[in-house]
Amino acid sequence: MDGRKRSNIKPGLRVNIVLKEDQRTGYLTEGYVQDILTNSPNHPHGIKVRLETGEVGRVKEILSELES
């Protein structure tokens, strides 16, 4: 799914994000979404989220759906 659309992202999803300091290298950090920080419905560089670890970055990949 597309990490640039806010409607695709929910707390608890497993995602890959790029941290601010990793934007030049493109290094991805994996984790679970705690909070969605971007208010707009979409963003060209990815929706900004806070992971459960406290790291903040923009979603590049959505790795798994929420278990229902």
PDB file of N, CA and C in Angstrom:
ATOM      1  N   MET A   1       0.838  -1.196   0.000  1.00  0.00           N
ATOM      2  CA  MET A   1       0.000   0.000   0.000  1.00  0.00           C
ATOM      3  C   MET A   1       0.876   1.250   0.000  1.00  0.00           C
ATOM      4  N   ASP A   2       0.237   2.342  -0.300  1.00  0.00           N
ATOM      5  CA  ASP A   2       0.931   3.611  -0.486  1.00  0.00           C
ATOM      6  C   ASP A   2       1.110   4.344   0.846  1.00  0.00           C
ATOM      7  N   GLY A   3       2.367   4.622   1.218  1.00  0.00           N
ATOM      8  CA  GLY A   3       2.665   5.349   2.452  1.00  0.00           C
ATOM      9  C   GLY A   3       2.454   6.838   2.344  1.00  0.00           C
ATOM     10  N   ARG A   4       1.992   7.317   1.166  1.00  0.00           N
ATOM     11  CA  ARG A   4       1.755   8.749   0.986  1.00  0.00           C
ATOM     12  C   ARG A   4       0.301   9.132   1.263  1.00  0.00           C
ATOM     13  N   LYS A   5      -0.568   8.143   1.493  1.00  0.00           N
ATOM     14  CA  LYS A   5      -1.983   8.416   1.777  1.00  0.00           C
ATOM     15  C   LYS A   5      -2.276   8.133   3.243  1.00  0.00           C
ATOM     16  N   ARG A   6      -2.762   9.149   3.947  1.00  0.00           N
ATOM     17  CA  ARG A   6      -3.030   9.025   5.386  1.00  0.00           C
ATOM     18  C   ARG A   6      -4.065   7.940   5.674  1.00  0.00           C
ATOM     19  N   SER A   7      -5.035   7.762   4.758  1.00  0.00           N
ATOM     20  CA  SER A   7      -6.105   6.781   4.986  1.00  0.00           C
ATOM     21  C   SER A   7      -5.584   5.343   5.008  1.00  0.00           C
ATOM     22  N   ASN A   8      -4.388   5.097   4.464  1.00  0.00           N
ATOM     23  CA  ASN A   8      -3.804   3.751   4.461  1.00  0.00           C
ATOM     24  C   ASN A   8      -3.085   3.412   5.763  1.00  0.00           C
ATOM     25  N   ILE A   9      -2.872   4.404   6.620  1.00  0.00           N
ATOM     26  CA  ILE A   9      -2.021   4.220   7.797  1.00  0.00           C
ATOM     27  C   ILE A   9      -2.858   4.289   9.070  1.00  0.00           C
ATOM     28  N   LYS A  10      -2.681   3.278   9.906  1.00  0.00           N
ATOM     29  CA  LYS A  10      -3.404   3.200  11.178  1.00  0.00           C
ATOM     30  C   LYS A  10      -2.411   2.815  12.270  1.00  0.00           C
ATOM     31  N   PRO A  11      -2.670   3.245  13.510  1.00  0.00           N
ATOM     32  CA  PRO A  11      -1.812   2.800  14.613  1.00  0.00           C
ATOM     33  C   PRO A  11      -1.783   1.267  14.678  1.00  0.00           C
ATOM     34  N   GLY A  12      -0.598   0.726  14.923  1.00  0.00           N
ATOM     35  CA  GLY A  12      -0.431  -0.719  15.008  1.00  0.00           C
ATOM     36  C   GLY A  12       0.087  -1.364  13.740  1.00  0.00           C
ATOM     37  N   LEU A  13       0.077  -0.628  12.613  1.00  0.00           N
ATOM     38  CA  LEU A  13       0.606  -1.176  11.363  1.00  0.00           C
ATOM     39  C   LEU A  13       2.116  -1.314  11.433  1.00  0.00           C
ATOM     40  N   ARG A  14       2.657  -2.354  10.808  1.00  0.00           N
ATOM     41  CA  ARG A  14       4.112  -2.528  10.687  1.00  0.00           C
ATOM     42  C   ARG A  14       4.551  -1.834   9.406  1.00  0.00           C
ATOM     43  N   VAL A  15       5.494  -0.897   9.539  1.00  0.00           N
ATOM     44  CA  VAL A  15       5.898  -0.070   8.398  1.00  0.00           C
ATOM     45  C   VAL A  15       7.416   0.097   8.366  1.00  0.00           C
ATOM     46  N   ASN A  16       7.927   0.520   7.223  1.00  0.00           N
ATOM     47  CA  ASN A  16       9.297   1.015   7.089  1.00  0.00           C
ATOM     48  C   ASN A  16       9.213   2.517   6.937  1.00  0.00           C
ATOM     49  N   ILE A  17      10.000   3.240   7.747  1.00  0.00           N
ATOM     50  CA  ILE A  17      10.039   4.702   7.646  1.00  0.00           C
ATOM     51  C   ILE A  17      11.475   5.132   7.358  1.00  0.00           C
ATOM     52  N   VAL A  18      11.606   6.346   6.835  1.00  0.00           N
ATOM     53  CA  VAL A  18      12.937   6.958   6.700  1.00  0.00           C
ATOM     54  C   VAL A  18      13.001   8.091   7.727  1.00  0.00           C
ATOM     55  N   LEU A  19      14.005   8.004   8.603  1.00  0.00           N
ATOM     56  CA  LEU A  19      14.217   9.031   9.613  1.00  0.00           C
ATOM     57  C   LEU A  19      14.826  10.265   8.960  1.00  0.00           C
ATOM     58  N   LYS A  20      14.669  11.422   9.586  1.00  0.00           N
ATOM     59  CA  LYS A  20      15.207  12.675   9.048  1.00  0.00           C
ATOM     60  C   LYS A  20      16.705  12.549   8.737  1.00  0.00           C
ATOM     61  N   GLU A  21      17.454  11.963   9.673  1.00  0.00           N
ATOM     62  CA  GLU A  21      18.906  11.864   9.476  1.00  0.00           C
ATOM     63  C   GLU A  21      19.285  10.828   8.415  1.00  0.00           C
ATOM     64  N   ASP A  22      18.342   9.986   8.013  1.00  0.00           N
ATOM     65  CA  ASP A  22      18.615   8.958   6.999  1.00  0.00           C
ATOM     66  C   ASP A  22      18.081   9.321   5.615  1.00  0.00           C
ATOM     67  N   GLN A  23      17.560  10.541   5.449  1.00  0.00           N
ATOM     68  CA  GLN A  23      16.955  10.900   4.163  1.00  0.00           C
ATOM     69  C   GLN A  23      17.967  10.874   3.022  1.00  0.00           C
ATOM     70  N   ARG A  24      19.207  11.255   3.277  1.00  0.00           N
ATOM     71  CA  ARG A  24      20.225  11.246   2.218  1.00  0.00           C
ATOM     72  C   ARG A  24      20.585   9.824   1.791  1.00  0.00           C
ATOM     73  N   THR A  25      20.669   8.907   2.758  1.00  0.00           N
ATOM     74  CA  THR A  25      21.075   7.531   2.448  1.00  0.00           C
ATOM     75  C   THR A  25      19.888   6.666   2.029  1.00  0.00           C
ATOM     76  N   GLY A  26      18.683   7.034   2.478  1.00  0.00           N
ATOM     77  CA  GLY A  26      17.509   6.224   2.182  1.00  0.00           C
ATOM     78  C   GLY A  26      17.373   5.016   3.086  1.00  0.00           C
ATOM     79  N   TYR A  27      18.184   4.949   4.166  1.00  0.00           N
ATOM     80  CA  TYR A  27      18.115   3.834   5.103  1.00  0.00           C
ATOM     81  C   TYR A  27      16.743   3.789   5.761  1.00  0.00           C
ATOM     82  N   LEU A  28      16.124   2.605   5.799  1.00  0.00           N
ATOM     83  CA  LEU A  28      14.775   2.450   6.344  1.00  0.00           C
ATOM     84  C   LEU A  28      14.823   1.841   7.731  1.00  0.00           C
ATOM     85  N   THR A  29      13.906   2.289   8.574  1.00  0.00           N
ATOM     86  CA  THR A  29      13.752   1.785   9.928  1.00  0.00           C
ATOM     87  C   THR A  29      12.388   1.123  10.027  1.00  0.00           C
ATOM     88  N   GLU A  30      12.363  -0.110  10.527  1.00  0.00           N
ATOM     89  CA  GLU A  30      11.105  -0.850  10.634  1.00  0.00           C
ATOM     90  C   GLU A  30      10.529  -0.696  12.029  1.00  0.00           C
ATOM     91  N   GLY A  31       9.197  -0.627  12.099  1.00  0.00           N
ATOM     92  CA  GLY A  31       8.549  -0.547  13.401  1.00  0.00           C
ATOM     93  C   GLY A  31       7.041  -0.496  13.260  1.00  0.00           C
ATOM     94  N   TYR A  32       6.385  -0.314  14.403  1.00  0.00           N
ATOM     95  CA  TYR A  32       4.925  -0.267  14.460  1.00  0.00           C
ATOM     96  C   TYR A  32       4.465   1.158  14.742  1.00  0.00           C
ATOM     97  N   VAL A  33       3.461   1.610  13.997  1.00  0.00           N
ATOM     98  CA  VAL A  33       2.949   2.980  14.117  1.00  0.00           C
ATOM     99  C   VAL A  33       2.266   3.169  15.469  1.00  0.00           C
ATOM    100  N   GLN A  34       2.676   4.226  16.168  1.00  0.00           N
ATOM    101  CA  GLN A  34       2.003   4.621  17.407  1.00  0.00           C
ATOM    102  C   GLN A  34       1.070   5.798  17.140  1.00  0.00           C
ATOM    103  N   ASP A  35       1.606   6.847  16.500  1.00  0.00           N
ATOM    104  CA  ASP A  35       0.825   8.057  16.217  1.00  0.00           C
ATOM    105  C   ASP A  35       1.042   8.485  14.776  1.00  0.00           C
ATOM    106  N   ILE A  36       0.002   9.074  14.176  1.00  0.00           N
ATOM    107  CA  ILE A  36       0.116   9.683  12.851  1.00  0.00           C
ATOM    108  C   ILE A  36       0.271  11.181  13.067  1.00  0.00           C
ATOM    109  N   LEU A  37       1.358  11.753  12.553  1.00  0.00           N
ATOM    110  CA  LEU A  37       1.672  13.157  12.825  1.00  0.00           C
ATOM    111  C   LEU A  37       1.274  14.099  11.700  1.00  0.00           C
ATOM    112  N   THR A  38       1.093  13.591  10.482  1.00  0.00           N
ATOM    113  CA  THR A  38       0.692  14.423   9.347  1.00  0.00           C
ATOM    114  C   THR A  38      -0.826  14.575   9.368  1.00  0.00           C
ATOM    115  N   ASN A  39      -1.307  15.819   9.275  1.00  0.00           N
ATOM    116  CA  ASN A  39      -2.749  16.065   9.293  1.00  0.00           C
ATOM    117  C   ASN A  39      -3.388  16.022   7.914  1.00  0.00           C
ATOM    118  N   SER A  40      -2.625  16.338   6.867  1.00  0.00           N
ATOM    119  CA  SER A  40      -3.204  16.374   5.528  1.00  0.00           C
ATOM    120  C   SER A  40      -3.489  14.954   5.035  1.00  0.00           C
ATOM    121  N   PRO A  41      -4.439  14.788   4.106  1.00  0.00           N
ATOM    122  CA  PRO A  41      -4.821  13.447   3.635  1.00  0.00           C
ATOM    123  C   PRO A  41      -3.729  12.725   2.855  1.00  0.00           C
ATOM    124  N   ASN A  42      -2.771  13.481   2.286  1.00  0.00           N
ATOM    125  CA  ASN A  42      -1.636  12.839   1.617  1.00  0.00           C
ATOM    126  C   ASN A  42      -0.432  13.775   1.646  1.00  0.00           C
ATOM    127  N   HIS A  43       0.735  13.181   1.396  1.00  0.00           N
ATOM    128  CA  HIS A  43       1.984  13.951   1.396  1.00  0.00           C
ATOM    129  C   HIS A  43       2.927  13.303   0.400  1.00  0.00           C
ATOM    130  N   PRO A  44       3.561  14.088  -0.477  1.00  0.00           N
ATOM    131  CA  PRO A  44       4.386  13.506  -1.544  1.00  0.00           C
ATOM    132  C   PRO A  44       5.589  12.704  -1.050  1.00  0.00           C
ATOM    133  N   HIS A  45       6.089  12.983   0.158  1.00  0.00           N
ATOM    134  CA  HIS A  45       7.264  12.274   0.676  1.00  0.00           C
ATOM    135  C   HIS A  45       6.906  11.200   1.682  1.00  0.00           C
ATOM    136  N   GLY A  46       5.625  11.000   1.943  1.00  0.00           N
ATOM    137  CA  GLY A  46       5.187   9.998   2.908  1.00  0.00           C
ATOM    138  C   GLY A  46       4.585  10.651   4.136  1.00  0.00           C
ATOM    139  N   ILE A  47       3.638   9.957   4.738  1.00  0.00           N
ATOM    140  CA  ILE A  47       2.977  10.445   5.945  1.00  0.00           C
ATOM    141  C   ILE A  47       3.945  10.320   7.121  1.00  0.00           C
ATOM    142  N   LYS A  48       4.057  11.382   7.912  1.00  0.00           N
ATOM    143  CA  LYS A  48       4.955  11.366   9.072  1.00  0.00           C
ATOM    144  C   LYS A  48       4.266  10.651  10.234  1.00  0.00           C
ATOM    145  N   VAL A  49       4.984   9.706  10.826  1.00  0.00           N
ATOM    146  CA  VAL A  49       4.448   8.928  11.948  1.00  0.00           C
ATOM    147  C   VAL A  49       5.482   8.838  13.062  1.00  0.00           C
ATOM    148  N   ARG A  50       4.988   8.498  14.259  1.00  0.00           N
ATOM    149  CA  ARG A  50       5.853   8.150  15.392  1.00  0.00           C
ATOM    150  C   ARG A  50       5.690   6.659  15.614  1.00  0.00           C
ATOM    151  N   LEU A  51       6.826   5.962  15.667  1.00  0.00           N
ATOM    152  CA  LEU A  51       6.793   4.531  15.945  1.00  0.00           C
ATOM    153  C   LEU A  51       6.655   4.291  17.449  1.00  0.00           C
ATOM    154  N   GLU A  52       6.345   3.042  17.831  1.00  0.00           N
ATOM    155  CA  GLU A  52       6.231   2.698  19.250  1.00  0.00           C
ATOM    156  C   GLU A  52       7.548   2.897  19.985  1.00  0.00           C
ATOM    157  N   THR A  53       8.665   2.912  19.243  1.00  0.00           N
ATOM    158  CA  THR A  53       9.988   3.148  19.836  1.00  0.00           C
ATOM    159  C   THR A  53      10.259   4.628  20.072  1.00  0.00           C
ATOM    160  N   GLY A  54       9.375   5.507  19.574  1.00  0.00           N
ATOM    161  CA  GLY A  54       9.547   6.942  19.720  1.00  0.00           C
ATOM    162  C   GLY A  54      10.213   7.597  18.521  1.00  0.00           C
ATOM    163  N   GLU A  55      10.700   6.796  17.558  1.00  0.00           N
ATOM    164  CA  GLU A  55      11.341   7.352  16.371  1.00  0.00           C
ATOM    165  C   GLU A  55      10.287   7.978  15.462  1.00  0.00           C
ATOM    166  N   VAL A  56      10.642   9.093  14.814  1.00  0.00           N
ATOM    167  CA  VAL A  56       9.727   9.820  13.939  1.00  0.00           C
ATOM    168  C   VAL A  56      10.305   9.845  12.532  1.00  0.00           C
ATOM    169  N   GLY A  57       9.462   9.521  11.553  1.00  0.00           N
ATOM    170  CA  GLY A  57       9.896   9.570  10.165  1.00  0.00           C
ATOM    171  C   GLY A  57       8.712   9.446   9.230  1.00  0.00           C
ATOM    172  N   ARG A  58       9.022   9.400   7.933  1.00  0.00           N
ATOM    173  CA  ARG A  58       7.980   9.319   6.913  1.00  0.00           C
ATOM    174  C   ARG A  58       7.857   7.900   6.378  1.00  0.00           C
ATOM    175  N   VAL A  59       6.613   7.444   6.233  1.00  0.00           N
ATOM    176  CA  VAL A  59       6.341   6.070   5.801  1.00  0.00           C
ATOM    177  C   VAL A  59       6.749   5.893   4.336  1.00  0.00           C
ATOM    178  N   LYS A  60       7.597   4.906   4.084  1.00  0.00           N
ATOM    179  CA  LYS A  60       8.011   4.546   2.729  1.00  0.00           C
ATOM    180  C   LYS A  60       7.360   3.240   2.281  1.00  0.00           C
ATOM    181  N   GLU A  61       7.115   2.331   3.218  1.00  0.00           N
ATOM    182  CA  GLU A  61       6.494   1.049   2.878  1.00  0.00           C
ATOM    183  C   GLU A  61       5.582   0.624   4.017  1.00  0.00           C
ATOM    184  N   ILE A  62       4.450   0.037   3.643  1.00  0.00           N
ATOM    185  CA  ILE A  62       3.562  -0.586   4.616  1.00  0.00           C
ATOM    186  C   ILE A  62       3.797  -2.083   4.500  1.00  0.00           C
ATOM    187  N   LEU A  63       4.255  -2.707   5.593  1.00  0.00           N
ATOM    188  CA  LEU A  63       4.697  -4.094   5.549  1.00  0.00           C
ATOM    189  C   LEU A  63       3.581  -5.091   5.844  1.00  0.00           C
ATOM    190  N   SER A  64       2.626  -4.727   6.699  1.00  0.00           N
ATOM    191  CA  SER A  64       1.560  -5.676   7.016  1.00  0.00           C
ATOM    192  C   SER A  64       0.284  -4.945   7.391  1.00  0.00           C
ATOM    193  N   GLU A  65      -0.820  -5.619   7.124  1.00  0.00           N
ATOM    194  CA  GLU A  65      -2.125  -5.084   7.494  1.00  0.00           C
ATOM    195  C   GLU A  65      -2.350  -5.298   8.984  1.00  0.00           C
ATOM    196  N   LEU A  66      -3.297  -4.573   9.537  1.00  0.00           N
ATOM    197  CA  LEU A  66      -3.698  -4.807  10.927  1.00  0.00           C
ATOM    198  C   LEU A  66      -4.370  -6.169  11.020  1.00  0.00           C
ATOM    199  N   GLU A  67      -4.077  -6.895  12.084  1.00  0.00           N
ATOM    200  CA  GLU A  67      -4.767  -8.170  12.315  1.00  0.00           C
ATOM    201  C   GLU A  67      -6.140  -7.857  12.887  1.00  0.00           C
ATOM    202  N   SER A  68      -7.166  -8.513  12.329  1.00  0.00           N
ATOM    203  CA  SER A  68      -8.514  -8.211  12.838  1.00  0.00           C
ATOM    204  C   SER A  68      -9.054  -9.314  13.690  1.00  0.00           C
TER     205      SER A  68
END
